[in-house]
């Protein structure tokens, strides 16, 4: 172990003591978590822990000569996907187990134990402690967000060693502390300070704050929401996502997911983010629904044909619109505005924490 990693591990251990204090009580999730079923002995996970990703150094997938950043560089994309695959696989496994625990009504002790075991192992290793490029930071926020939601689901179950559970909380605090300095306070320094990357960072930090009880992290997430919501035009478009040319529709969907999730975390903890900037998020949702049904208006705005959205069994793939589960649960009247969109029964996204249909009252 390097000296730098030893120091970081000591910081995590110190942070775990703070996380154990009453002042660091966790904040609320926007959905109910089942109590673990009474069983004589907690079942063991029974699955090997995926190897922790300690370092990541990825670059943009896009052709840098394309100002819209909408044309993939095939070689760069292949390298990016290869580097991100272990991290995505881990997030998928953790959120799948968190989902199974909720879906089972708390009877799947094995799945809860897997979430605890997996995240404890990554926290012990100080995973993601070396993000060597800015793109690495931008690309991991989605994973951190989903993992934090999954951890909050099981963190009050009786499985796992208490000291290691505290270490997981300290790890999420460290991840949030690492993310925040890469973004300005909504200024003009970089586009990523104001577009979808900032919203995903806000969701990651807010979700970590819900785990650790650090209200300032939730507040930072709400400020990230404000940066996005207050840019939404009267017609519902996000100007910086329109700039993505042929991928504008996909990036609008991509940007909406963390905004909805921040609003949900905020609402669960007494903050009305949905009402920020005159309820602008509702206009963005309607813009998305219209663009999914018929992209012609969006194509007129961008001056280019939109790429087809990924589908499964003839409808838009659930992970692209998983944010509809919490949105429709809170605003059921919005179903009248779906414009014929067939919403899958199971809306799941590892970036959002798992099976949102189950979390927010679906099947």
Protein backbone atom coordinates (compact mmCIF):
# COMPACT_ATOMS: atom_id res chain seq x y z
CA UNK A 1 0.00 0.00 0.00
CA UNK A 2 1.38 3.40 -0.97
CA UNK A 3 1.90 6.13 1.63
CA UNK A 4 -0.84 8.24 0.03
CA UNK A 5 -3.33 5.37 0.15
CA UNK A 6 -2.38 4.62 3.77
CA UNK A 7 -3.13 8.22 4.71
CA UNK A 8 -6.47 8.09 2.86
CA UNK A 9 -7.37 4.87 4.68
CA UNK A 10 -6.59 6.49 8.04
CA UNK A 11 -8.79 9.42 7.05
CA UNK A 12 -11.60 7.00 6.21
CA UNK A 13 -11.21 5.29 9.58
CA UNK A 14 -11.34 8.64 11.35
CA UNK A 15 -14.38 9.58 9.31
CA UNK A 16 -16.09 6.35 10.29
CA UNK A 17 -15.96 7.45 13.92
CA UNK A 18 -17.66 10.71 12.98
CA UNK A 19 -20.28 8.83 10.95
CA UNK A 20 -21.14 6.84 14.08
CA UNK A 21 -22.08 9.93 16.09
CA UNK A 22 -25.74 10.97 16.66
CA UNK A 23 -25.11 14.22 14.76
CA UNK A 24 -24.47 12.18 11.63
CA UNK A 25 -27.85 10.41 11.62
CA UNK A 26 -28.87 9.50 8.09
CA UNK A 27 -31.36 11.61 6.19
CA UNK A 28 -34.50 10.17 4.64
CA UNK A 29 -35.05 8.38 1.36
CA UNK A 30 -38.14 9.35 -0.66
CA UNK A 31 -39.57 5.84 -0.44
CA UNK A 32 -40.20 3.28 2.27
CA UNK A 33 -37.57 0.64 2.99
CA UNK A 34 -38.82 -2.71 4.33
CA UNK A 35 -37.69 -3.91 7.72
CA UNK A 36 -35.61 -7.09 7.57
CA UNK A 37 -37.68 -10.20 8.15
CA UNK A 38 -37.02 -11.89 11.47
CA UNK A 39 -34.68 -14.82 10.88
CA UNK A 40 -32.57 -16.82 13.36
CA UNK A 41 -29.28 -16.01 11.64
CA UNK A 42 -28.56 -13.55 8.82
CA UNK A 43 -27.87 -15.39 5.62
CA UNK A 44 -24.49 -14.87 4.08
CA UNK A 45 -24.19 -13.26 0.70
CA UNK A 46 -22.60 -16.29 -0.91
CA UNK A 47 -21.17 -14.32 -3.84
CA UNK A 48 -17.57 -13.24 -4.40
CA UNK A 49 -16.96 -9.52 -4.07
CA UNK A 50 -16.05 -7.89 -7.39
CA UNK A 51 -12.49 -6.60 -7.36
CA UNK A 52 -12.39 -2.95 -6.24
CA UNK A 53 -11.59 -0.35 -8.89
CA UNK A 54 -8.86 1.70 -7.25
CA UNK A 55 -7.83 3.94 -10.13
CA UNK A 56 -9.55 5.28 -13.22
CA UNK A 57 -8.12 7.38 -16.03
CA UNK A 58 -10.60 7.74 -18.90
CA UNK A 59 -10.91 10.33 -21.63
CA UNK A 60 -13.88 11.60 -23.63
CA UNK A 61 -15.58 9.16 -25.99
CA UNK A 62 -16.32 11.88 -28.51
CA UNK A 63 -14.52 13.24 -31.54
CA UNK A 64 -12.93 16.42 -30.19
CA UNK A 65 -13.20 18.15 -33.57
CA UNK A 66 -17.01 17.99 -33.32
CA UNK A 67 -18.16 21.05 -31.38
CA UNK A 68 -21.45 19.36 -30.45
CA UNK A 69 -19.63 16.38 -28.89
CA UNK A 70 -22.18 14.10 -30.55
CA UNK A 71 -19.93 12.01 -32.82
CA UNK A 72 -18.18 9.07 -31.20
CA UNK A 73 -14.49 8.47 -31.73
CA UNK A 74 -14.57 4.69 -32.15
CA UNK A 75 -11.16 4.01 -30.64
CA UNK A 76 -11.73 6.38 -27.73
CA UNK A 77 -15.18 4.91 -27.12
CA UNK A 78 -13.82 1.36 -27.07
CA UNK A 79 -11.15 2.32 -24.55
CA UNK A 80 -13.69 4.16 -22.41
CA UNK A 81 -16.15 1.29 -22.36
CA UNK A 82 -13.44 -1.21 -21.43
CA UNK A 83 -12.28 0.95 -18.51
CA UNK A 84 -15.79 1.62 -17.23
CA UNK A 85 -17.09 -1.95 -17.50
CA UNK A 86 -15.85 -3.22 -14.09
CA UNK A 87 -17.31 -0.19 -12.35
CA UNK A 88 -20.64 -0.54 -14.13
CA UNK A 89 -20.76 -4.27 -13.39
CA UNK A 90 -20.22 -3.54 -9.70
CA UNK A 91 -22.94 -0.90 -9.62
CA UNK A 92 -25.30 -3.25 -11.42
CA UNK A 93 -24.64 -6.03 -8.89
CA UNK A 94 -25.05 -3.79 -5.84
CA UNK A 95 -28.26 -2.14 -7.04
CA UNK A 96 -29.68 -5.47 -8.20
CA UNK A 97 -29.27 -6.83 -4.68
CA UNK A 98 -30.75 -3.68 -3.12
CA UNK A 99 -33.73 -4.06 -5.46
CA UNK A 100 -34.22 -7.71 -4.54
CA UNK A 101 -34.27 -6.82 -0.86
CA UNK A 102 -37.00 -4.23 -1.42
CA UNK A 103 -38.95 -6.41 -3.86
CA UNK A 104 -38.96 -9.24 -1.31
CA UNK A 105 -40.41 -7.04 1.41
CA UNK A 106 -37.26 -7.52 3.45
CA UNK A 107 -37.06 -11.32 3.27
CA UNK A 108 -34.00 -11.46 1.01
CA UNK A 109 -31.43 -11.19 3.77
CA UNK A 110 -28.86 -12.66 1.40
CA UNK A 111 -29.25 -9.71 -0.98
CA UNK A 112 -28.99 -7.17 1.83
CA UNK A 113 -25.85 -8.94 3.04
CA UNK A 114 -24.39 -8.78 -0.46
CA UNK A 115 -24.84 -5.00 -0.61
CA UNK A 116 -23.12 -4.70 2.78
CA UNK A 117 -20.29 -7.09 1.88
CA UNK A 118 -19.63 -5.56 -1.52
CA UNK A 119 -19.58 -1.95 -0.36
CA UNK A 120 -17.58 -2.74 2.79
CA UNK A 121 -14.90 -4.39 0.65
CA UNK A 122 -14.71 -1.39 -1.68
CA UNK A 123 -14.61 1.01 1.26
CA UNK A 124 -11.78 -0.96 2.91
CA UNK A 125 -9.81 -0.74 -0.32
CA UNK A 126 -10.58 2.99 -0.70
CA UNK A 127 -11.97 2.27 -4.15
CA UNK A 128 -12.08 5.19 -6.59
CA UNK A 129 -9.37 6.86 -4.57
CA UNK A 130 -7.33 7.71 -7.65
CA UNK A 131 -9.41 9.43 -10.33
CA UNK A 132 -6.56 10.52 -12.56
CA UNK A 133 -8.50 12.56 -15.12
CA UNK A 134 -11.36 15.02 -14.97
CA UNK A 135 -13.36 12.70 -17.23
CA UNK A 136 -12.91 9.97 -14.62
CA UNK A 137 -14.56 12.23 -12.04
CA UNK A 138 -17.38 13.10 -14.44
CA UNK A 139 -17.96 9.46 -15.32
CA UNK A 140 -18.06 8.10 -11.77
CA UNK A 141 -20.69 10.44 -10.33
CA UNK A 142 -23.50 8.32 -11.79
CA UNK A 143 -22.08 5.21 -10.17
CA UNK A 144 -21.56 6.89 -6.80
CA UNK A 145 -25.16 8.13 -6.85
CA UNK A 146 -26.63 4.70 -7.50
CA UNK A 147 -24.41 3.01 -4.92
CA UNK A 148 -25.35 5.57 -2.27
CA UNK A 149 -29.07 4.97 -2.80
CA UNK A 150 -28.50 1.21 -2.59
CA UNK A 151 -26.47 1.57 0.60
CA UNK A 152 -29.09 3.77 2.25
CA UNK A 153 -31.64 1.01 1.61
CA UNK A 154 -29.71 -1.59 3.62
CA UNK A 155 -27.57 0.48 5.98
CA UNK A 156 -29.93 0.04 8.93
CA UNK A 157 -30.26 -3.73 8.51
CA UNK A 158 -28.38 -5.90 11.06
CA UNK A 159 -26.02 -7.49 8.56
CA UNK A 160 -22.29 -6.96 8.52
CA UNK A 161 -19.72 -5.78 11.03
CA UNK A 162 -20.66 -2.38 12.60
CA UNK A 163 -17.14 -1.00 12.20
CA UNK A 164 -17.13 -1.83 8.51
CA UNK A 165 -20.58 -0.32 8.09
CA UNK A 166 -19.24 2.91 9.57
CA UNK A 167 -16.32 2.70 7.18
CA UNK A 168 -18.76 2.59 4.24
CA UNK A 169 -20.36 5.80 5.49
CA UNK A 170 -16.95 7.45 5.74
CA UNK A 171 -16.15 6.26 2.21
CA UNK A 172 -19.25 7.95 0.82
CA UNK A 173 -18.34 11.13 2.69
CA UNK A 174 -14.89 11.00 1.10
CA UNK A 175 -16.36 10.45 -2.35
CA UNK A 176 -18.61 13.48 -1.94
CA UNK A 177 -15.65 15.56 -0.76
CA UNK A 178 -13.70 14.47 -3.84
CA UNK A 179 -16.50 15.35 -6.26
CA UNK A 180 -17.44 18.82 -5.06
CA UNK A 181 -14.17 20.67 -5.81
CA UNK A 182 -14.35 19.70 -9.49
CA UNK A 183 -17.36 21.95 -10.01
CA UNK A 184 -17.67 25.69 -9.56
CA UNK A 185 -20.59 27.20 -7.71
CA UNK A 186 -22.61 27.47 -10.90
CA UNK A 187 -20.17 29.77 -12.63
CA UNK A 188 -18.86 30.00 -16.15
CA UNK A 189 -15.61 28.08 -15.79
CA UNK A 190 -16.64 24.97 -17.75
CA UNK A 191 -19.76 23.77 -19.50
CA UNK A 192 -19.75 20.76 -17.19
CA UNK A 193 -20.35 23.14 -14.28
CA UNK A 194 -23.77 23.96 -15.72
CA UNK A 195 -25.04 21.00 -17.75
CA UNK A 196 -25.85 17.34 -17.12
CA UNK A 197 -22.49 16.58 -15.49
CA UNK A 198 -23.25 19.06 -12.71
CA UNK A 199 -26.69 17.55 -12.11
CA UNK A 200 -25.22 14.05 -11.82
CA UNK A 201 -22.57 15.37 -9.44
CA UNK A 202 -25.32 17.03 -7.43
CA UNK A 203 -27.27 13.78 -7.22
CA UNK A 204 -24.16 11.84 -6.17
CA UNK A 205 -23.26 14.32 -3.44
CA UNK A 206 -26.87 14.63 -2.25
CA UNK A 207 -27.27 10.83 -2.09
CA UNK A 208 -24.00 10.56 -0.16
CA UNK A 209 -25.35 13.22 2.20
CA UNK A 210 -28.50 11.19 2.79
CA UNK A 211 -26.24 8.28 3.77
CA UNK A 212 -23.97 10.28 6.07
CA UNK A 213 -26.46 12.80 7.42
CA UNK A 214 -24.37 15.70 6.12
CA UNK A 215 -27.01 18.30 5.32
CA UNK A 216 -24.51 20.48 3.46
CA UNK A 217 -24.10 17.72 0.88
CA UNK A 218 -27.85 17.59 0.32
CA UNK A 219 -27.85 21.39 0.04
CA UNK A 220 -25.08 21.22 -2.57
CA UNK A 221 -27.21 18.80 -4.52
CA UNK A 222 -30.18 21.17 -4.37
CA UNK A 223 -27.95 24.01 -5.57
CA UNK A 224 -26.92 21.78 -8.49
CA UNK A 225 -30.62 21.23 -9.19
CA UNK A 226 -31.19 24.98 -9.14
CA UNK A 227 -28.42 25.52 -11.71
CA UNK A 228 -30.20 23.16 -14.07
CA UNK A 229 -33.82 24.03 -13.37
CA UNK A 230 -33.28 27.75 -13.74
CA UNK A 231 -31.86 27.27 -17.24
CA UNK A 232 -34.98 25.50 -18.50
CA UNK A 233 -36.56 27.60 -21.23
CA UNK A 234 -40.27 28.41 -21.43
CA UNK A 235 -40.60 25.64 -24.02
CA UNK A 236 -39.01 23.16 -21.60
CA UNK A 237 -35.64 22.75 -23.33
CA UNK A 238 -32.24 22.84 -21.67
CA UNK A 239 -30.02 25.07 -23.85
CA UNK A 240 -26.77 23.25 -23.14
CA UNK A 241 -28.32 19.87 -23.95
CA UNK A 242 -29.74 21.28 -27.21
CA UNK A 243 -26.12 21.94 -28.17
CA UNK A 244 -25.54 18.17 -28.32
CA UNK A 245 -26.90 18.10 -31.87
CA UNK A 246 -28.13 14.67 -32.93
CA UNK A 247 -27.91 13.44 -29.33
CA UNK A 248 -29.94 16.30 -27.86
CA UNK A 249 -32.99 14.16 -27.13
CA UNK A 250 -30.94 11.49 -25.40
CA UNK A 251 -29.05 14.09 -23.37
CA UNK A 252 -32.27 15.75 -22.27
CA UNK A 253 -33.42 12.40 -20.89
CA UNK A 254 -29.99 11.88 -19.36
CA UNK A 255 -30.06 15.28 -17.66
CA UNK A 256 -33.59 14.86 -16.34
CA UNK A 257 -32.81 11.72 -14.32
CA UNK A 258 -30.55 13.33 -11.68
CA UNK A 259 -32.75 16.42 -11.49
CA UNK A 260 -35.80 14.32 -10.61
CA UNK A 261 -33.81 12.27 -8.10
CA UNK A 262 -32.39 15.35 -6.39
CA UNK A 263 -35.91 16.77 -6.16
CA UNK A 264 -37.08 13.51 -4.58
CA UNK A 265 -34.25 13.42 -2.02
CA UNK A 266 -34.93 17.07 -1.23
CA UNK A 267 -38.68 16.50 -0.81
CA UNK A 268 -38.03 13.61 1.58
CA UNK A 269 -36.02 15.99 3.73
CA UNK A 270 -38.30 19.02 3.76
CA UNK A 271 -37.12 20.98 0.69
CA UNK A 272 -39.40 21.75 -2.27
CA UNK A 273 -36.96 21.57 -5.16
CA UNK A 274 -39.81 20.84 -7.57
CA UNK A 275 -40.99 24.41 -7.01
CA UNK A 276 -37.63 26.04 -7.81
CA UNK A 277 -37.73 28.57 -10.65
CA UNK A 278 -41.48 28.39 -10.94
CA UNK A 279 -41.65 24.61 -11.18
CA UNK A 280 -39.46 24.58 -14.28
CA UNK A 281 -38.73 20.86 -13.99
CA UNK A 282 -42.31 20.08 -15.01
CA UNK A 283 -41.72 21.88 -18.31
CA UNK A 284 -38.60 19.76 -18.90
CA UNK A 285 -40.54 16.56 -18.23
CA UNK A 286 -43.22 17.59 -20.73
CA UNK A 287 -40.53 18.53 -23.25
CA UNK A 288 -39.03 15.06 -22.91
CA UNK A 289 -42.35 13.28 -23.29
CA UNK A 290 -43.08 15.26 -26.44
CA UNK A 291 -39.62 14.58 -27.87
CA UNK A 292 -39.91 10.83 -27.23
CA UNK A 293 -43.29 10.73 -28.96
CA UNK A 294 -42.23 12.93 -31.88
CA UNK A 295 -38.75 14.47 -32.15
CA UNK A 296 -39.65 16.77 -35.06
CA UNK A 297 -39.89 19.94 -32.93
CA UNK A 298 -36.56 19.14 -31.30
CA UNK A 299 -35.04 18.44 -34.70
CA UNK A 300 -36.17 21.87 -35.85
CA UNK A 301 -34.45 23.40 -32.82
CA UNK A 302 -31.17 21.54 -33.37
CA UNK A 303 -31.24 21.51 -37.16
CA UNK A 304 -30.41 17.81 -37.22
CA UNK A 305 -32.14 14.45 -37.12
CA UNK A 306 -32.09 12.84 -33.71
CA UNK A 307 -30.52 9.45 -33.11
CA UNK A 308 -32.95 6.68 -32.29
CA UNK A 309 -33.42 5.97 -28.60
CA UNK A 310 -32.45 2.52 -27.32
CA UNK A 311 -35.50 0.26 -27.13
CA UNK A 312 -36.49 -3.06 -25.65
CA UNK A 313 -39.47 -5.04 -26.91
CA UNK A 314 -40.67 -2.11 -28.96
CA UNK A 315 -40.65 0.59 -26.30
CA UNK A 316 -38.07 3.00 -24.94
CA UNK A 317 -35.61 1.13 -22.75
CA UNK A 318 -36.53 1.47 -19.11
CA UNK A 319 -33.23 2.85 -17.88
CA UNK A 320 -33.63 5.91 -20.14
CA UNK A 321 -36.92 6.88 -18.51
CA UNK A 322 -36.58 5.27 -15.06
CA UNK A 323 -37.00 8.73 -13.51
CA UNK A 324 -40.66 8.54 -14.53
CA UNK A 325 -41.31 6.10 -11.64
CA UNK A 326 -40.76 8.67 -8.87
CA UNK A 327 -42.17 11.50 -10.95
CA UNK A 328 -45.45 9.72 -11.72
CA UNK A 329 -45.72 8.46 -8.14
CA UNK A 330 -45.59 12.06 -6.90
CA UNK A 331 -47.57 13.57 -9.78
CA UNK A 332 -49.98 10.83 -10.98
CA UNK A 333 -51.93 13.39 -13.01
CA UNK A 334 -48.91 13.56 -15.34
CA UNK A 335 -49.94 10.19 -16.80
CA UNK A 336 -52.40 12.14 -18.93
CA UNK A 337 -49.41 13.82 -20.59
CA UNK A 338 -47.53 10.65 -21.57
CA UNK A 339 -48.50 11.19 -25.24
CA UNK A 340 -48.98 7.49 -25.85
CA UNK A 341 -45.61 6.52 -24.37
CA UNK A 342 -45.77 2.92 -23.18
CA UNK A 343 -44.02 2.90 -19.82
CA UNK A 344 -42.37 -0.45 -18.98
CA UNK A 345 -43.64 -2.20 -15.85
CA UNK A 346 -40.10 -2.31 -14.49
CA UNK A 347 -38.18 0.96 -14.56
CA UNK A 348 -34.68 0.10 -13.43
CA UNK A 349 -31.41 2.02 -13.55
CA UNK A 350 -28.25 1.19 -11.61
CA UNK A 351 -27.34 4.88 -11.83
CA UNK A 352 -30.52 5.75 -9.92
CA UNK A 353 -30.18 2.99 -7.33
CA UNK A 354 -32.01 0.01 -8.82
CA UNK A 355 -35.65 -0.87 -9.48
CA UNK A 356 -37.41 2.46 -9.12
CA UNK A 357 -40.77 0.88 -9.97
CA UNK A 358 -40.50 -1.22 -6.80
CA UNK A 359 -39.10 1.62 -4.70
CA UNK A 360 -41.85 4.05 -5.63
CA UNK A 361 -44.84 1.77 -5.29
CA UNK A 362 -44.94 -0.20 -8.54
CA UNK A 363 -44.91 -3.92 -9.05
